[in-house]
C-alpha atoms as a PDB file:
ATOM      1  CA  UNK A   1     -15.482  16.247-101.002  1.00  0.00           C
ATOM      2  CA  UNK A   2     -15.980  13.003 -99.548  1.00  0.00           C
ATOM      3  CA  UNK A   3     -13.453  10.614 -98.360  1.00  0.00           C
ATOM      4  CA  UNK A   4     -13.183   7.584 -96.363  1.00  0.00           C
ATOM      5  CA  UNK A   5     -10.718   6.462 -93.545  1.00  0.00           C
ATOM      6  CA  UNK A   6      -8.236   3.621 -94.268  1.00  0.00           C
ATOM      7  CA  UNK A   7      -6.217   2.045 -91.301  1.00  0.00           C
ATOM      8  CA  UNK A   8      -2.524   0.924 -91.746  1.00  0.00           C
ATOM      9  CA  UNK A   9      -1.918  -2.993 -91.600  1.00  0.00           C
ATOM     10  CA  UNK A  10      -1.800  -3.802 -87.868  1.00  0.00           C
ATOM     11  CA  UNK A  11       0.373  -6.570 -88.445  1.00  0.00           C
ATOM     12  CA  UNK A  12       3.138  -3.666 -89.455  1.00  0.00           C
ATOM     13  CA  UNK A  13       5.707  -3.193 -86.927  1.00  0.00           C
ATOM     14  CA  UNK A  14       5.502   0.312 -85.593  1.00  0.00           C
ATOM     15  CA  UNK A  15       8.734   1.979 -84.338  1.00  0.00           C
ATOM     16  CA  UNK A  16       9.433   5.103 -82.881  1.00  0.00           C
ATOM     17  CA  UNK A  17      12.599   6.792 -83.038  1.00  0.00           C
ATOM     18  CA  UNK A  18      13.875   9.772 -80.592  1.00  0.00           C
ATOM     19  CA  UNK A  19      16.678  11.713 -82.558  1.00  0.00           C
ATOM     20  CA  UNK A  20      18.379  14.653 -81.314  1.00  0.00           C
ATOM     21  CA  UNK A  21      17.965  18.081 -82.023  1.00  0.00           C
ATOM     22  CA  UNK A  22      21.426  18.049 -83.492  1.00  0.00           C
ATOM     23  CA  UNK A  23      21.511  14.460 -85.358  1.00  0.00           C
ATOM     24  CA  UNK A  24      21.662  15.463 -89.326  1.00  0.00           C
ATOM     25  CA  UNK A  25      22.378  11.734 -89.953  1.00  0.00           C
ATOM     26  CA  UNK A  26      19.989   9.229 -88.063  1.00  0.00           C
ATOM     27  CA  UNK A  27      16.873   9.462 -90.200  1.00  0.00           C
ATOM     28  CA  UNK A  28      18.990   9.274 -93.427  1.00  0.00           C
ATOM     29  CA  UNK A  29      20.671   5.933 -92.295  1.00  0.00           C
ATOM     30  CA  UNK A  30      17.141   4.467 -90.997  1.00  0.00           C
ATOM     31  CA  UNK A  31      15.381   5.209 -94.079  1.00  0.00           C
ATOM     32  CA  UNK A  32      18.107   3.319 -96.027  1.00  0.00           C
ATOM     33  CA  UNK A  33      18.166   0.524 -93.232  1.00  0.00           C
ATOM     34  CA  UNK A  34      14.477  -0.442 -92.393  1.00  0.00           C
ATOM     35  CA  UNK A  35      12.437  -2.432 -94.560  1.00  0.00           C
ATOM     36  CA  UNK A  36       9.698  -1.075 -96.316  1.00  0.00           C
ATOM     37  CA  UNK A  37       6.770  -2.836 -94.220  1.00  0.00           C
ATOM     38  CA  UNK A  38       7.568  -1.196 -91.522  1.00  0.00           C
ATOM     39  CA  UNK A  39       6.422   1.569 -89.685  1.00  0.00           C
ATOM     40  CA  UNK A  40       8.962   4.276 -88.255  1.00  0.00           C
ATOM     41  CA  UNK A  41       7.807   7.784 -86.420  1.00  0.00           C
ATOM     42  CA  UNK A  42      10.428  10.640 -85.392  1.00  0.00           C
ATOM     43  CA  UNK A  43      10.600  12.545 -82.670  1.00  0.00           C
ATOM     44  CA  UNK A  44      13.556  14.940 -81.479  1.00  0.00           C
ATOM     45  CA  UNK A  45      14.996  15.919 -77.904  1.00  0.00           C
ATOM     46  CA  UNK A  46      16.674  18.746 -77.120  1.00  0.00           C
ATOM     47  CA  UNK A  47      20.151  18.526 -77.061  1.00  0.00           C
ATOM     48  CA  UNK A  48      23.613  20.714 -76.762  1.00  0.00           C
ATOM     49  CA  UNK A  49      25.642  22.073 -79.627  1.00  0.00           C
ATOM     50  CA  UNK A  50      28.574  21.092 -77.206  1.00  0.00           C
ATOM     51  CA  UNK A  51      29.179  17.037 -76.297  1.00  0.00           C
ATOM     52  CA  UNK A  52      29.973  17.112 -72.534  1.00  0.00           C
ATOM     53  CA  UNK A  53      28.887  14.423 -69.994  1.00  0.00           C
ATOM     54  CA  UNK A  54      26.790  17.685 -68.588  1.00  0.00           C
ATOM     55  CA  UNK A  55      25.117  18.140 -71.479  1.00  0.00           C
ATOM     56  CA  UNK A  56      24.488  14.553 -72.458  1.00  0.00           C
ATOM     57  CA  UNK A  57      23.124  14.159 -69.187  1.00  0.00           C
ATOM     58  CA  UNK A  58      20.690  17.010 -69.468  1.00  0.00           C
ATOM     59  CA  UNK A  59      18.813  15.295 -71.915  1.00  0.00           C
ATOM     60  CA  UNK A  60      17.082  12.666 -69.298  1.00  0.00           C
ATOM     61  CA  UNK A  61      14.783  15.601 -68.333  1.00  0.00           C
ATOM     62  CA  UNK A  62      13.735  16.205 -72.158  1.00  0.00           C
ATOM     63  CA  UNK A  63      13.258  12.465 -72.657  1.00  0.00           C
ATOM     64  CA  UNK A  64       9.352  11.997 -71.607  1.00  0.00           C
ATOM     65  CA  UNK A  65       8.385  15.275 -73.243  1.00  0.00           C
ATOM     66  CA  UNK A  66       9.971  14.175 -76.643  1.00  0.00           C
ATOM     67  CA  UNK A  67       8.192  10.778 -76.265  1.00  0.00           C
ATOM     68  CA  UNK A  68       4.785  12.069 -75.620  1.00  0.00           C
ATOM     69  CA  UNK A  69       5.049  14.470 -78.989  1.00  0.00           C
ATOM     70  CA  UNK A  70       4.058  10.709 -80.446  1.00  0.00           C
ATOM     71  CA  UNK A  71       0.590  10.573 -81.424  1.00  0.00           C
ATOM     72  CA  UNK A  72      -1.473   9.649 -78.758  1.00  0.00           C
ATOM     73  CA  UNK A  73      -2.674   6.046 -78.442  1.00  0.00           C
ATOM     74  CA  UNK A  74      -0.108   4.785 -81.105  1.00  0.00           C
ATOM     75  CA  UNK A  75       0.949   1.764 -79.300  1.00  0.00           C
ATOM     76  CA  UNK A  76       4.723   0.992 -80.241  1.00  0.00           C
ATOM     77  CA  UNK A  77       6.381  -2.557 -80.668  1.00  0.00           C
ATOM     78  CA  UNK A  78       9.910  -0.276 -79.785  1.00  0.00           C
ATOM     79  CA  UNK A  79      11.078   2.696 -79.353  1.00  0.00           C
ATOM     80  CA  UNK A  80      14.706   3.342 -79.755  1.00  0.00           C
ATOM     81  CA  UNK A  81      16.479   6.723 -77.956  1.00  0.00           C
ATOM     82  CA  UNK A  82      19.396   7.902 -80.572  1.00  0.00           C
ATOM     83  CA  UNK A  83      22.083   8.664 -78.560  1.00  0.00           C
ATOM     84  CA  UNK A  84      25.184   6.456 -77.669  1.00  0.00           C
ATOM     85  CA  UNK A  85      26.907   8.945 -75.298  1.00  0.00           C
ATOM     86  CA  UNK A  86      23.903   9.848 -73.724  1.00  0.00           C
ATOM     87  CA  UNK A  87      22.846   6.659 -72.589  1.00  0.00           C
ATOM     88  CA  UNK A  88      25.821   5.791 -71.198  1.00  0.00           C
ATOM     89  CA  UNK A  89      26.014   8.884 -69.016  1.00  0.00           C
ATOM     90  CA  UNK A  90      22.007   8.569 -68.406  1.00  0.00           C
ATOM     91  CA  UNK A  91      22.268   4.626 -67.930  1.00  0.00           C
ATOM     92  CA  UNK A  92      19.953   2.447 -70.105  1.00  0.00           C
ATOM     93  CA  UNK A  93      17.202   2.253 -67.277  1.00  0.00           C
ATOM     94  CA  UNK A  94      16.491   5.491 -66.504  1.00  0.00           C
ATOM     95  CA  UNK A  95      16.154   6.563 -70.680  1.00  0.00           C
ATOM     96  CA  UNK A  96      13.983   3.495 -70.896  1.00  0.00           C
ATOM     97  CA  UNK A  97      11.848   5.095 -67.794  1.00  0.00           C
ATOM     98  CA  UNK A  98      11.629   8.586 -68.666  1.00  0.00           C
ATOM     99  CA  UNK A  99      10.755   7.475 -72.481  1.00  0.00           C
ATOM    100  CA  UNK A 100       8.071   5.015 -71.220  1.00  0.00           C
ATOM    101  CA  UNK A 101       6.533   8.070 -69.520  1.00  0.00           C
ATOM    102  CA  UNK A 102       5.548   9.734 -72.621  1.00  0.00           C
ATOM    103  CA  UNK A 103       4.838   7.193 -74.751  1.00  0.00           C
ATOM    104  CA  UNK A 104       2.889   3.628 -74.771  1.00  0.00           C
ATOM    105  CA  UNK A 105       6.044   1.369 -76.481  1.00  0.00           C
ATOM    106  CA  UNK A 106       6.349  -2.616 -75.786  1.00  0.00           C
ATOM    107  CA  UNK A 107       9.936  -2.116 -75.604  1.00  0.00           C
ATOM    108  CA  UNK A 108      12.618   0.813 -75.301  1.00  0.00           C
ATOM    109  CA  UNK A 109      16.270   0.770 -76.498  1.00  0.00           C
ATOM    110  CA  UNK A 110      18.930   2.350 -77.538  1.00  0.00           C
ATOM    111  CA  UNK A 111      22.525   2.423 -79.055  1.00  0.00           C
ATOM    112  CA  UNK A 112      24.724   1.060 -76.220  1.00  0.00           C
ATOM    113  CA  UNK A 113      22.102  -1.789 -75.354  1.00  0.00           C
ATOM    114  CA  UNK A 114      21.755  -2.550 -79.202  1.00  0.00           C
ATOM    115  CA  UNK A 115      25.159  -2.977 -79.011  1.00  0.00           C
ATOM    116  CA  UNK A 116      25.903  -5.387 -75.938  1.00  0.00           C
ATOM    117  CA  UNK A 117      23.208  -7.386 -77.952  1.00  0.00           C
ATOM    118  CA  UNK A 118      24.916  -7.485 -80.875  1.00  0.00           C
ATOM    119  CA  UNK A 119      28.543  -8.594 -79.137  1.00  0.00           C
ATOM    120  CA  UNK A 120      26.407 -11.271 -77.550  1.00  0.00           C
ATOM    121  CA  UNK A 121      25.011 -12.747 -81.022  1.00  0.00           C
ATOM    122  CA  UNK A 122      28.620 -12.182 -82.715  1.00  0.00           C
ATOM    123  CA  UNK A 123      30.002 -13.764 -79.572  1.00  0.00           C
ATOM    124  CA  UNK A 124      32.162 -10.611 -79.495  1.00  0.00           C
ATOM    125  CA  UNK A 125      33.965 -10.029 -76.130  1.00  0.00           C
ATOM    126  CA  UNK A 126      36.786  -7.415 -77.458  1.00  0.00           C
ATOM    127  CA  UNK A 127      35.673  -4.487 -79.327  1.00  0.00           C
ATOM    128  CA  UNK A 128      37.742  -1.789 -81.040  1.00  0.00           C
ATOM    129  CA  UNK A 129      36.285   1.841 -80.750  1.00  0.00           C
ATOM    130  CA  UNK A 130      36.246   4.755 -82.976  1.00  0.00           C
ATOM    131  CA  UNK A 131      34.467   7.767 -81.376  1.00  0.00           C
ATOM    132  CA  UNK A 132      34.161  11.464 -82.563  1.00  0.00           C
ATOM    133  CA  UNK A 133      34.051  12.777 -78.912  1.00  0.00           C
ATOM    134  CA  UNK A 134      36.621  13.962 -76.610  1.00  0.00           C
ATOM    135  CA  UNK A 135      38.291  11.725 -73.678  1.00  0.00           C
ATOM    136  CA  UNK A 136      35.720  12.349 -70.937  1.00  0.00           C
ATOM    137  CA  UNK A 137      32.968  11.383 -73.032  1.00  0.00           C
ATOM    138  CA  UNK A 138      34.022   8.373 -74.520  1.00  0.00           C
ATOM    139  CA  UNK A 139      35.481   6.944 -71.296  1.00  0.00           C
ATOM    140  CA  UNK A 140      32.035   6.582 -70.090  1.00  0.00           C
ATOM    141  CA  UNK A 141      30.781   4.214 -72.734  1.00  0.00           C
ATOM    142  CA  UNK A 142      33.932   2.046 -72.255  1.00  0.00           C
ATOM    143  CA  UNK A 143      33.372   1.599 -68.573  1.00  0.00           C
ATOM    144  CA  UNK A 144      29.543   0.869 -69.175  1.00  0.00           C
ATOM    145  CA  UNK A 145      30.753  -1.408 -71.717  1.00  0.00           C
ATOM    146  CA  UNK A 146      33.338  -3.023 -69.319  1.00  0.00           C
ATOM    147  CA  UNK A 147      30.418  -3.702 -66.772  1.00  0.00           C
ATOM    148  CA  UNK A 148      28.836  -5.897 -69.869  1.00  0.00           C
ATOM    149  CA  UNK A 149      31.690  -7.823 -70.009  1.00  0.00           C
ATOM    150  CA  UNK A 150      32.913  -5.999 -73.158  1.00  0.00           C
ATOM    151  CA  UNK A 151      36.613  -5.150 -73.169  1.00  0.00           C
ATOM    152  CA  UNK A 152      37.486  -2.097 -75.250  1.00  0.00           C
ATOM    153  CA  UNK A 153      41.541  -2.284 -75.423  1.00  0.00           C
ATOM    154  CA  UNK A 154      41.657  -0.539 -78.878  1.00  0.00           C
ATOM    155  CA  UNK A 155      39.930   2.796 -78.612  1.00  0.00           C
ATOM    156  CA  UNK A 156      40.550   5.874 -81.343  1.00  0.00           C
ATOM    157  CA  UNK A 157      39.054   9.397 -81.092  1.00  0.00           C
ATOM    158  CA  UNK A 158      38.584  12.618 -83.673  1.00  0.00           C
ATOM    159  CA  UNK A 159      38.409  14.706 -79.916  1.00  0.00           C
ATOM    160  CA  UNK A 160      35.691  16.721 -81.432  1.00  0.00           C
ATOM    161  CA  UNK A 161      33.176  18.158 -79.010  1.00  0.00           C
ATOM    162  CA  UNK A 162      31.234  20.406 -81.644  1.00  0.00           C
ATOM    163  CA  UNK A 163      28.270  17.976 -81.927  1.00  0.00           C
ATOM    164  CA  UNK A 164      27.420  19.865 -85.927  1.00  0.00           C
ATOM    165  CA  UNK A 165      30.972  19.081 -86.810  1.00  0.00           C
ATOM    166  CA  UNK A 166      30.423  15.321 -86.275  1.00  0.00           C
ATOM    167  CA  UNK A 167      28.222  14.841 -88.746  1.00  0.00           C
ATOM    168  CA  UNK A 168      30.632  16.056 -91.501  1.00  0.00           C
ATOM    169  CA  UNK A 169      33.359  14.403 -90.759  1.00  0.00           C
ATOM    170  CA  UNK A 170      34.138  12.260 -94.329  1.00  0.00           C
ATOM    171  CA  UNK A 171      34.183   8.722 -95.291  1.00  0.00           C
ATOM    172  CA  UNK A 172      37.541   8.728 -95.647  1.00  0.00           C
ATOM    173  CA  UNK A 173      38.514  10.264 -92.296  1.00  0.00           C
ATOM    174  CA  UNK A 174      36.609   7.452 -90.731  1.00  0.00           C
ATOM    175  CA  UNK A 175      38.191   4.909 -93.133  1.00  0.00           C
ATOM    176  CA  UNK A 176      41.624   6.222 -92.490  1.00  0.00           C
ATOM    177  CA  UNK A 177      41.245   6.309 -88.849  1.00  0.00           C
ATOM    178  CA  UNK A 178      39.883   2.749 -88.754  1.00  0.00           C
ATOM    179  CA  UNK A 179      42.742   1.452 -90.223  1.00  0.00           C
ATOM    180  CA  UNK A 180      45.287   3.200 -88.365  1.00  0.00           C
ATOM    181  CA  UNK A 181      43.713   2.532 -84.910  1.00  0.00           C
ATOM    182  CA  UNK A 182      43.365  -1.387 -85.869  1.00  0.00           C
ATOM    183  CA  UNK A 183      47.027  -1.701 -86.772  1.00  0.00           C
ATOM    184  CA  UNK A 184      48.567  -4.516 -85.327  1.00  0.00           C
ATOM    185  CA  UNK A 185      45.289  -5.306 -83.161  1.00  0.00           C
ATOM    186  CA  UNK A 186      43.282  -8.511 -82.661  1.00  0.00           C
ATOM    187  CA  UNK A 187      39.724  -7.684 -81.991  1.00  0.00           C
ATOM    188  CA  UNK A 188      36.293  -9.623 -82.257  1.00  0.00           C
ATOM    189  CA  UNK A 189      34.358  -6.280 -83.449  1.00  0.00           C
ATOM    190  CA  UNK A 190      34.892  -2.801 -84.276  1.00  0.00           C
ATOM    191  CA  UNK A 191      32.375  -0.137 -83.331  1.00  0.00           C
ATOM    192  CA  UNK A 192      31.945   3.205 -84.930  1.00  0.00           C
ATOM    193  CA  UNK A 193      30.201   5.226 -82.104  1.00  0.00           C
ATOM    194  CA  UNK A 194      27.491   8.043 -82.564  1.00  0.00           C
ATOM    195  CA  UNK A 195      24.345   8.088 -84.698  1.00  0.00           C
ATOM    196  CA  UNK A 196      25.403  11.520 -86.127  1.00  0.00           C
ATOM    197  CA  UNK A 197      28.559  10.119 -87.561  1.00  0.00           C
ATOM    198  CA  UNK A 198      27.840   9.295 -91.411  1.00  0.00           C
ATOM    199  CA  UNK A 199      29.411   5.727 -91.417  1.00  0.00           C
ATOM    200  CA  UNK A 200      26.796   3.208 -93.326  1.00  0.00           C
ATOM    201  CA  UNK A 201      29.106   3.446 -96.939  1.00  0.00           C
ATOM    202  CA  UNK A 202      32.642   2.687 -94.991  1.00  0.00           C
ATOM    203  CA  UNK A 203      31.105  -0.137 -93.310  1.00  0.00           C
ATOM    204  CA  UNK A 204      31.191  -2.845 -95.648  1.00  0.00           C
ATOM    205  CA  UNK A 205      34.846  -1.828 -97.419  1.00  0.00           C
ATOM    206  CA  UNK A 206      36.074  -1.680 -93.839  1.00  0.00           C
ATOM    207  CA  UNK A 207      34.420  -5.036 -92.940  1.00  0.00           C
ATOM    208  CA  UNK A 208      36.002  -6.549 -95.975  1.00  0.00           C
ATOM    209  CA  UNK A 209      39.678  -5.075 -95.107  1.00  0.00           C
ATOM    210  CA  UNK A 210      39.790  -5.989 -91.921  1.00  0.00           C
ATOM    211  CA  UNK A 211      37.973  -9.530 -91.766  1.00  0.00           C
ATOM    212  CA  UNK A 212      36.304  -9.251 -88.478  1.00  0.00           C
ATOM    213  CA  UNK A 213      32.223  -7.642 -87.967  1.00  0.00           C
ATOM    214  CA  UNK A 214      32.199  -3.667 -88.321  1.00  0.00           C
ATOM    215  CA  UNK A 215      28.834  -2.265 -86.230  1.00  0.00           C
ATOM    216  CA  UNK A 216      27.714   1.448 -85.735  1.00  0.00           C
ATOM    217  CA  UNK A 217      25.618   3.048 -83.311  1.00  0.00           C
ATOM    218  CA  UNK A 218      22.658   3.213 -86.188  1.00  0.00           C
ATOM    219  CA  UNK A 219      23.420  -0.164 -87.305  1.00  0.00           C
ATOM    220  CA  UNK A 220      22.738  -1.931 -83.922  1.00  0.00           C
ATOM    221  CA  UNK A 221      20.053   0.383 -83.378  1.00  0.00           C
ATOM    222  CA  UNK A 222      18.124  -0.469 -86.270  1.00  0.00           C
ATOM    223  CA  UNK A 223      19.017  -4.198 -85.800  1.00  0.00           C
ATOM    224  CA  UNK A 224      17.996  -4.189 -82.235  1.00  0.00           C
ATOM    225  CA  UNK A 225      14.355  -2.455 -82.883  1.00  0.00           C
ATOM    226  CA  UNK A 226      13.473  -4.972 -85.468  1.00  0.00           C
ATOM    227  CA  UNK A 227      14.960  -7.707 -83.407  1.00  0.00           C
ATOM    228  CA  UNK A 228      12.388  -6.754 -80.850  1.00  0.00           C
ATOM    229  CA  UNK A 229       9.866  -5.926 -83.294  1.00  0.00           C
ATOM    230  CA  UNK A 230       9.506  -9.410 -84.444  1.00  0.00           C
ATOM    231  CA  UNK A 231      10.007 -11.555 -81.305  1.00  0.00           C
ATOM    232  CA  UNK A 232       9.237 -14.499 -83.515  1.00  0.00           C
ATOM    233  CA  UNK A 233       9.733 -16.820 -86.341  1.00  0.00           C
ATOM    234  CA  UNK A 234      11.386 -15.175 -89.695  1.00  0.00           C
ATOM    235  CA  UNK A 235      12.868 -11.970 -87.538  1.00  0.00           C
ATOM    236  CA  UNK A 236      15.109 -10.213 -89.876  1.00  0.00           C
ATOM    237  CA  UNK A 237      18.897 -10.607 -89.093  1.00  0.00           C
ATOM    238  CA  UNK A 238      20.233  -9.127 -92.287  1.00  0.00           C
ATOM    239  CA  UNK A 239      21.394  -5.812 -91.367  1.00  0.00           C
ATOM    240  CA  UNK A 240      24.319  -7.752 -88.988  1.00  0.00           C
ATOM    241  CA  UNK A 241      24.131 -11.392 -90.522  1.00  0.00           C
ATOM    242  CA  UNK A 242      22.865 -12.202 -86.900  1.00  0.00           C
ATOM    243  CA  UNK A 243      19.575 -13.861 -85.732  1.00  0.00           C
END
């Protein structure tokens, strides 16, 4: 049968997302966070079942191959790498370098870079962090944030090393852990770390109770990708209430 070709509008922002093989949360969150007039293509990167500094660092060697799985010649506005702890372990510059080896993109970002940008926009210099991971993983993130001038005086963790288990931590547990961590604490914002942690439904209620911005890995990454893609008048700030 005869058919004709059509092309997507060229003005539509073109975003790429590299999610972890073990991540069961990120793509669903991005479907809820992204506007309908944005193109989002997804690739996956091999990731270990157990989250350790070594397993996180190993992802660096797979990133360029994962980026190369995107369609040839697509020309992304932004590609986001979806792992907070691995970015802290590998380094944001190294992540960007590996992604650019595999795909053409104007910008590369990640949850750590996005968090630093969100904290700057919110003028947040002291934040509380809730992480699912063991101390050896979480301490590296705190060191990276400290180097960027962001203090993390308050920290809580589920001490979970199994990546598959992280997606199963329920909303009530995340809420209870955050509220317990925040008792008697004065900070500028709260960060719920990990793209695999199901945080979207607790952010609003927690923010209302705590009276400070509540951020998450997927929320700040989606915001920063949109921010970088628009780069001009009318760019979206609604995800965080920031410009």
